[in-house]
Amino acid sequence: QVLLVESGGGLVQAGGSLRLSCLASGRTFTRYSMAWFRQAPGKEREFVAGISWLSSSTDYKDSVKGRFTISRSNAKNTVYLQMNSLKPEDTAIYYCAADSSPVARGDTTYDYWGQGTQVTVSS
């Protein structure tokens, strides 16, 4: 069982930065792939970034490559999403997800989800 709690969301102007954090409980955090998804109003939830349990593999949605960076600290049971050069279209609720499977873009892969944190980017 893994409990995930996100933090770090907020309101930022276009071009600004935010860093999201996701704190995981459970002794097996190091064995889980982690990912960030987002859901904007009226849209489906979409994959943003993922990282393998040893940080040896990362994956990003094309539109965030070069702007967002996913990382993790297994010692702190935390995964991060550094978001730079934010755009209004990045506005969404951001969710942290975990699974013992390899990193994947499909949300059905992930068994554990956080409650989400709101990110709003003003133009």
N, C-alpha and C. Protein backbone atom coordinates (compact mmCIF):
# COMPACT_ATOMS: atom_id res chain seq x y z
N GLN A 1 0.84 -1.19 0.00
CA GLN A 1 0.00 0.00 0.00
C GLN A 1 0.88 1.24 0.00
N VAL A 2 0.55 2.20 -0.85
CA VAL A 2 1.29 3.45 -0.96
C VAL A 2 0.32 4.61 -0.86
N LEU A 3 0.59 5.54 0.02
CA LEU A 3 -0.19 6.77 0.14
C LEU A 3 0.63 7.91 -0.41
N LEU A 4 0.02 8.69 -1.31
CA LEU A 4 0.73 9.78 -1.98
C LEU A 4 0.08 11.11 -1.65
N VAL A 5 0.90 12.10 -1.30
CA VAL A 5 0.40 13.43 -0.98
C VAL A 5 1.21 14.46 -1.76
N GLU A 6 0.52 15.19 -2.64
CA GLU A 6 1.18 16.22 -3.45
C GLU A 6 1.17 17.57 -2.75
N SER A 7 2.14 18.40 -3.11
CA SER A 7 2.19 19.78 -2.62
C SER A 7 2.97 20.61 -3.62
N GLY A 8 2.88 21.95 -3.46
CA GLY A 8 3.68 22.84 -4.28
C GLY A 8 2.93 23.55 -5.38
N GLY A 9 1.65 23.24 -5.55
CA GLY A 9 0.89 23.92 -6.58
C GLY A 9 0.62 25.36 -6.19
N GLY A 10 0.07 26.11 -7.14
CA GLY A 10 -0.26 27.50 -6.86
C GLY A 10 -0.52 28.28 -8.11
N LEU A 11 -0.57 29.60 -7.95
CA LEU A 11 -0.81 30.52 -9.06
C LEU A 11 0.52 31.17 -9.45
N VAL A 12 0.83 31.15 -10.74
CA VAL A 12 2.08 31.73 -11.21
C VAL A 12 1.83 32.39 -12.57
N GLN A 13 2.60 33.41 -12.86
CA GLN A 13 2.48 34.07 -14.16
C GLN A 13 3.18 33.25 -15.24
N ALA A 14 2.75 33.43 -16.45
CA ALA A 14 3.40 32.76 -17.57
C ALA A 14 4.90 33.08 -17.58
N GLY A 15 5.70 32.05 -17.82
CA GLY A 15 7.14 32.20 -17.79
C GLY A 15 7.75 31.88 -16.44
N GLY A 16 6.92 31.74 -15.44
CA GLY A 16 7.40 31.45 -14.10
C GLY A 16 7.67 29.98 -13.87
N SER A 17 8.01 29.65 -12.62
CA SER A 17 8.37 28.29 -12.26
C SER A 17 7.64 27.84 -10.99
N LEU A 18 7.45 26.55 -10.90
CA LEU A 18 6.93 25.91 -9.69
C LEU A 18 7.62 24.56 -9.55
N ARG A 19 7.73 24.10 -8.31
CA ARG A 19 8.21 22.75 -8.07
C ARG A 19 7.17 21.99 -7.26
N LEU A 20 6.68 20.94 -7.86
CA LEU A 20 5.73 20.07 -7.17
C LEU A 20 6.48 18.96 -6.45
N SER A 21 5.94 18.56 -5.32
CA SER A 21 6.50 17.44 -4.56
C SER A 21 5.41 16.42 -4.31
N CYS A 22 5.81 15.17 -4.21
CA CYS A 22 4.88 14.09 -3.89
C CYS A 22 5.55 13.20 -2.85
N LEU A 23 5.01 13.24 -1.65
CA LEU A 23 5.55 12.43 -0.56
C LEU A 23 4.80 11.11 -0.49
N ALA A 24 5.55 10.03 -0.49
CA ALA A 24 4.96 8.70 -0.47
C ALA A 24 5.21 8.01 0.85
N SER A 25 4.20 7.33 1.34
CA SER A 25 4.38 6.49 2.51
C SER A 25 4.54 5.05 2.05
N GLY A 26 5.04 4.22 2.91
CA GLY A 26 5.22 2.82 2.52
C GLY A 26 6.68 2.48 2.39
N ARG A 27 7.04 1.32 2.84
CA ARG A 27 8.44 0.93 2.88
C ARG A 27 8.98 0.53 1.53
N THR A 28 8.10 0.34 0.54
CA THR A 28 8.58 -0.15 -0.75
C THR A 28 8.62 0.95 -1.81
N PHE A 29 8.69 2.19 -1.38
CA PHE A 29 8.70 3.31 -2.33
C PHE A 29 9.77 3.13 -3.38
N THR A 30 10.94 2.64 -2.96
CA THR A 30 12.05 2.54 -3.90
C THR A 30 11.78 1.56 -5.03
N ARG A 31 10.80 0.71 -4.88
CA ARG A 31 10.51 -0.28 -5.91
C ARG A 31 9.44 0.19 -6.89
N TYR A 32 8.95 1.40 -6.72
CA TYR A 32 7.85 1.88 -7.55
C TYR A 32 8.32 2.88 -8.60
N SER A 33 7.80 2.70 -9.81
CA SER A 33 7.89 3.77 -10.79
C SER A 33 6.92 4.86 -10.37
N MET A 34 7.30 6.11 -10.63
CA MET A 34 6.48 7.25 -10.26
C MET A 34 6.19 8.10 -11.50
N ALA A 35 5.05 8.74 -11.47
CA ALA A 35 4.68 9.57 -12.61
C ALA A 35 3.84 10.75 -12.16
N TRP A 36 3.83 11.77 -13.01
CA TRP A 36 2.95 12.92 -12.84
C TRP A 36 1.97 12.94 -14.01
N PHE A 37 0.72 13.12 -13.69
CA PHE A 37 -0.34 13.32 -14.68
C PHE A 37 -0.99 14.66 -14.39
N ARG A 38 -1.76 15.13 -15.33
CA ARG A 38 -2.53 16.36 -15.11
C ARG A 38 -3.87 16.27 -15.80
N GLN A 39 -4.81 17.03 -15.27
CA GLN A 39 -6.14 17.08 -15.86
C GLN A 39 -6.65 18.51 -15.83
N ALA A 40 -6.88 19.05 -17.00
CA ALA A 40 -7.43 20.39 -17.15
C ALA A 40 -8.95 20.30 -17.21
N PRO A 41 -9.66 21.37 -16.89
CA PRO A 41 -11.12 21.34 -16.93
C PRO A 41 -11.64 20.92 -18.29
N GLY A 42 -12.54 19.96 -18.29
CA GLY A 42 -13.15 19.52 -19.53
C GLY A 42 -12.28 18.61 -20.39
N LYS A 43 -11.12 18.26 -19.88
CA LYS A 43 -10.20 17.42 -20.66
C LYS A 43 -9.89 16.13 -19.90
N GLU A 44 -9.38 15.15 -20.64
CA GLU A 44 -9.00 13.89 -20.01
C GLU A 44 -7.66 14.05 -19.28
N ARG A 45 -7.45 13.18 -18.32
CA ARG A 45 -6.18 13.16 -17.62
C ARG A 45 -5.08 12.71 -18.58
N GLU A 46 -3.93 13.37 -18.51
CA GLU A 46 -2.85 13.05 -19.43
C GLU A 46 -1.53 12.89 -18.70
N PHE A 47 -0.70 12.05 -19.27
CA PHE A 47 0.64 11.80 -18.75
C PHE A 47 1.51 13.04 -18.95
N VAL A 48 2.30 13.37 -17.94
CA VAL A 48 3.22 14.50 -18.03
C VAL A 48 4.67 14.03 -18.00
N ALA A 49 5.00 13.22 -16.99
CA ALA A 49 6.38 12.75 -16.86
C ALA A 49 6.40 11.52 -15.97
N GLY A 50 7.41 10.66 -16.18
CA GLY A 50 7.56 9.47 -15.36
C GLY A 50 9.01 9.17 -15.09
N ILE A 51 9.27 8.43 -14.01
CA ILE A 51 10.64 8.10 -13.63
C ILE A 51 10.67 6.70 -13.05
N SER A 52 11.67 5.94 -13.42
CA SER A 52 11.82 4.58 -12.91
C SER A 52 12.32 4.60 -11.47
N TRP A 53 12.28 3.45 -10.81
CA TRP A 53 12.57 3.45 -9.37
C TRP A 53 14.02 3.72 -9.06
N LEU A 54 14.94 3.50 -10.00
CA LEU A 54 16.34 3.85 -9.78
C LEU A 54 16.73 5.14 -10.49
N SER A 55 15.74 5.86 -11.02
CA SER A 55 15.97 7.10 -11.77
C SER A 55 16.78 6.88 -13.04
N SER A 56 16.87 5.63 -13.48
CA SER A 56 17.66 5.34 -14.67
C SER A 56 16.91 5.66 -15.95
N SER A 57 15.61 5.83 -15.84
CA SER A 57 14.78 6.07 -17.01
C SER A 57 13.75 7.14 -16.71
N THR A 58 13.62 8.10 -17.61
CA THR A 58 12.58 9.11 -17.50
C THR A 58 11.86 9.23 -18.83
N ASP A 59 10.65 9.74 -18.78
CA ASP A 59 9.84 9.94 -19.98
C ASP A 59 9.03 11.20 -19.78
N TYR A 60 8.83 11.93 -20.87
CA TYR A 60 8.10 13.20 -20.81
C TYR A 60 7.11 13.33 -21.95
N LYS A 61 6.03 13.98 -21.67
CA LYS A 61 5.10 14.42 -22.72
C LYS A 61 5.87 15.42 -23.59
N ASP A 62 5.65 15.33 -24.89
CA ASP A 62 6.42 16.18 -25.81
C ASP A 62 6.33 17.66 -25.48
N SER A 63 5.16 18.12 -25.11
CA SER A 63 4.97 19.56 -24.91
C SER A 63 5.66 20.10 -23.67
N VAL A 64 6.17 19.22 -22.79
CA VAL A 64 6.86 19.70 -21.59
C VAL A 64 8.36 19.42 -21.63
N LYS A 65 8.81 18.72 -22.65
CA LYS A 65 10.25 18.42 -22.75
C LYS A 65 11.05 19.71 -22.81
N GLY A 66 12.13 19.76 -22.04
CA GLY A 66 12.96 20.95 -21.99
C GLY A 66 12.47 22.00 -21.01
N ARG A 67 11.25 21.84 -20.51
CA ARG A 67 10.71 22.79 -19.52
C ARG A 67 10.50 22.14 -18.16
N PHE A 68 10.08 20.88 -18.15
CA PHE A 68 9.81 20.16 -16.90
C PHE A 68 10.89 19.12 -16.66
N THR A 69 11.19 18.89 -15.38
CA THR A 69 12.15 17.85 -15.01
C THR A 69 11.59 17.05 -13.84
N ILE A 70 11.53 15.74 -14.02
CA ILE A 70 11.09 14.86 -12.95
C ILE A 70 12.33 14.27 -12.27
N SER A 71 12.27 14.17 -10.95
CA SER A 71 13.37 13.58 -10.20
C SER A 71 12.79 12.93 -8.94
N ARG A 72 13.61 12.17 -8.25
CA ARG A 72 13.13 11.53 -7.04
C ARG A 72 14.27 11.38 -6.04
N SER A 73 13.88 11.35 -4.77
CA SER A 73 14.80 11.05 -3.68
C SER A 73 14.23 9.86 -2.94
N ASN A 74 14.82 8.70 -3.15
CA ASN A 74 14.32 7.51 -2.46
C ASN A 74 14.58 7.60 -0.96
N ALA A 75 15.60 8.34 -0.57
CA ALA A 75 15.88 8.52 0.85
C ALA A 75 14.78 9.33 1.53
N LYS A 76 14.14 10.21 0.77
CA LYS A 76 13.08 11.06 1.32
C LYS A 76 11.69 10.61 0.90
N ASN A 77 11.62 9.49 0.18
CA ASN A 77 10.33 8.99 -0.29
C ASN A 77 9.54 10.05 -1.07
N THR A 78 10.26 10.82 -1.86
CA THR A 78 9.64 11.97 -2.53
C THR A 78 10.01 12.00 -4.01
N VAL A 79 9.03 12.34 -4.83
CA VAL A 79 9.26 12.60 -6.25
C VAL A 79 8.91 14.05 -6.51
N TYR A 80 9.67 14.67 -7.40
CA TYR A 80 9.52 16.09 -7.69
C TYR A 80 9.20 16.31 -9.16
N LEU A 81 8.56 17.44 -9.43
CA LEU A 81 8.38 17.89 -10.80
C LEU A 81 8.73 19.38 -10.83
N GLN A 82 9.89 19.68 -11.37
CA GLN A 82 10.31 21.07 -11.54
C GLN A 82 9.74 21.57 -12.85
N MET A 83 8.96 22.63 -12.79
CA MET A 83 8.28 23.16 -13.96
C MET A 83 8.77 24.59 -14.22
N ASN A 84 9.43 24.77 -15.33
CA ASN A 84 9.94 26.09 -15.72
C ASN A 84 9.24 26.57 -16.98
N SER A 85 9.36 27.85 -17.25
CA SER A 85 8.76 28.44 -18.45
C SER A 85 7.30 28.04 -18.58
N LEU A 86 6.57 28.17 -17.53
CA LEU A 86 5.18 27.73 -17.52
C LEU A 86 4.33 28.54 -18.48
N LYS A 87 3.34 27.86 -19.05
CA LYS A 87 2.43 28.46 -20.01
C LYS A 87 0.99 28.33 -19.50
N PRO A 88 0.10 29.19 -19.95
CA PRO A 88 -1.30 29.06 -19.52
C PRO A 88 -1.88 27.67 -19.79
N GLU A 89 -1.43 27.03 -20.86
CA GLU A 89 -1.96 25.70 -21.18
C GLU A 89 -1.46 24.61 -20.22
N ASP A 90 -0.54 24.96 -19.33
CA ASP A 90 -0.11 24.02 -18.29
C ASP A 90 -1.07 24.02 -17.09
N THR A 91 -2.04 24.92 -17.11
CA THR A 91 -3.01 24.99 -16.02
C THR A 91 -3.80 23.70 -15.92
N ALA A 92 -3.79 23.10 -14.73
CA ALA A 92 -4.46 21.82 -14.52
C ALA A 92 -4.30 21.40 -13.06
N ILE A 93 -5.00 20.35 -12.70
CA ILE A 93 -4.71 19.66 -11.45
C ILE A 93 -3.65 18.62 -11.76
N TYR A 94 -2.59 18.63 -10.98
CA TYR A 94 -1.49 17.70 -11.20
C TYR A 94 -1.55 16.58 -10.15
N TYR A 95 -1.46 15.35 -10.65
CA TYR A 95 -1.56 14.18 -9.81
C TYR A 95 -0.26 13.38 -9.84
N CYS A 96 0.10 12.86 -8.70
CA CYS A 96 1.21 11.95 -8.57
C CYS A 96 0.66 10.52 -8.59
N ALA A 97 1.39 9.61 -9.24
CA ALA A 97 0.95 8.23 -9.34
C ALA A 97 2.13 7.28 -9.15
N ALA A 98 1.84 6.08 -8.66
CA ALA A 98 2.88 5.11 -8.40
C ALA A 98 2.43 3.72 -8.81
N ASP A 99 3.40 2.92 -9.25
CA ASP A 99 3.11 1.52 -9.57
C ASP A 99 4.40 0.73 -9.60
N SER A 100 4.27 -0.56 -9.34
CA SER A 100 5.44 -1.42 -9.35
C SER A 100 5.86 -1.83 -10.76
N SER A 101 5.06 -1.48 -11.75
CA SER A 101 5.40 -1.77 -13.14
C SER A 101 6.38 -0.73 -13.67
N PRO A 102 7.02 -0.99 -14.81
CA PRO A 102 7.88 0.03 -15.42
C PRO A 102 7.09 1.28 -15.78
N VAL A 103 7.79 2.38 -15.98
CA VAL A 103 7.14 3.64 -16.33
C VAL A 103 6.31 3.47 -17.60
N ALA A 104 5.09 3.98 -17.54
CA ALA A 104 4.20 3.91 -18.69
C ALA A 104 3.38 5.19 -18.77
N ARG A 105 2.85 5.48 -19.94
CA ARG A 105 2.07 6.71 -20.14
C ARG A 105 0.59 6.51 -19.88
N GLY A 106 0.14 5.29 -19.83
CA GLY A 106 -1.28 5.04 -19.60
C GLY A 106 -1.63 5.15 -18.13
N ASP A 107 -2.69 5.89 -17.83
CA ASP A 107 -3.04 6.07 -16.42
C ASP A 107 -3.58 4.79 -15.79
N THR A 108 -4.06 3.86 -16.59
CA THR A 108 -4.57 2.60 -16.02
C THR A 108 -3.45 1.73 -15.48
N THR A 109 -2.21 2.05 -15.82
CA THR A 109 -1.07 1.29 -15.32
C THR A 109 -0.89 1.48 -13.82
N TYR A 110 -1.26 2.65 -13.32
CA TYR A 110 -0.89 3.05 -11.98
C TYR A 110 -1.98 2.71 -10.96
N ASP A 111 -1.56 2.04 -9.91
CA ASP A 111 -2.49 1.60 -8.88
C ASP A 111 -2.72 2.64 -7.80
N TYR A 112 -1.76 3.52 -7.59
CA TYR A 112 -1.84 4.47 -6.47
C TYR A 112 -1.80 5.90 -6.98
N TRP A 113 -2.68 6.73 -6.41
CA TRP A 113 -2.82 8.11 -6.85
C TRP A 113 -2.93 9.04 -5.65
N GLY A 114 -2.38 10.24 -5.82
CA GLY A 114 -2.59 11.29 -4.84
C GLY A 114 -3.88 12.02 -5.10
N GLN A 115 -4.18 13.01 -4.25
CA GLN A 115 -5.41 13.78 -4.38
C GLN A 115 -5.28 14.92 -5.38
N GLY A 116 -4.07 15.28 -5.73
CA GLY A 116 -3.86 16.31 -6.73
C GLY A 116 -3.55 17.67 -6.12
N THR A 117 -2.86 18.49 -6.89
CA THR A 117 -2.56 19.86 -6.50
C THR A 117 -2.80 20.78 -7.69
N GLN A 118 -3.45 21.90 -7.45
CA GLN A 118 -3.84 22.80 -8.54
C GLN A 118 -2.66 23.67 -8.96
N VAL A 119 -2.45 23.73 -10.26
CA VAL A 119 -1.47 24.65 -10.85
C VAL A 119 -2.23 25.56 -11.80
N THR A 120 -2.11 26.86 -11.59
CA THR A 120 -2.77 27.84 -12.44
C THR A 120 -1.72 28.81 -12.97
N VAL A 121 -1.67 28.93 -14.29
CA VAL A 121 -0.71 29.82 -14.93
C VAL A 121 -1.48 30.94 -15.62
N SER A 122 -1.24 32.16 -15.18
CA SER A 122 -1.95 33.30 -15.75
C SER A 122 -1.15 33.90 -16.90
N SER A 123 -1.87 34.44 -17.87
CA SER A 123 -1.21 35.03 -19.05
C SER A 123 -0.88 36.49 -18.83
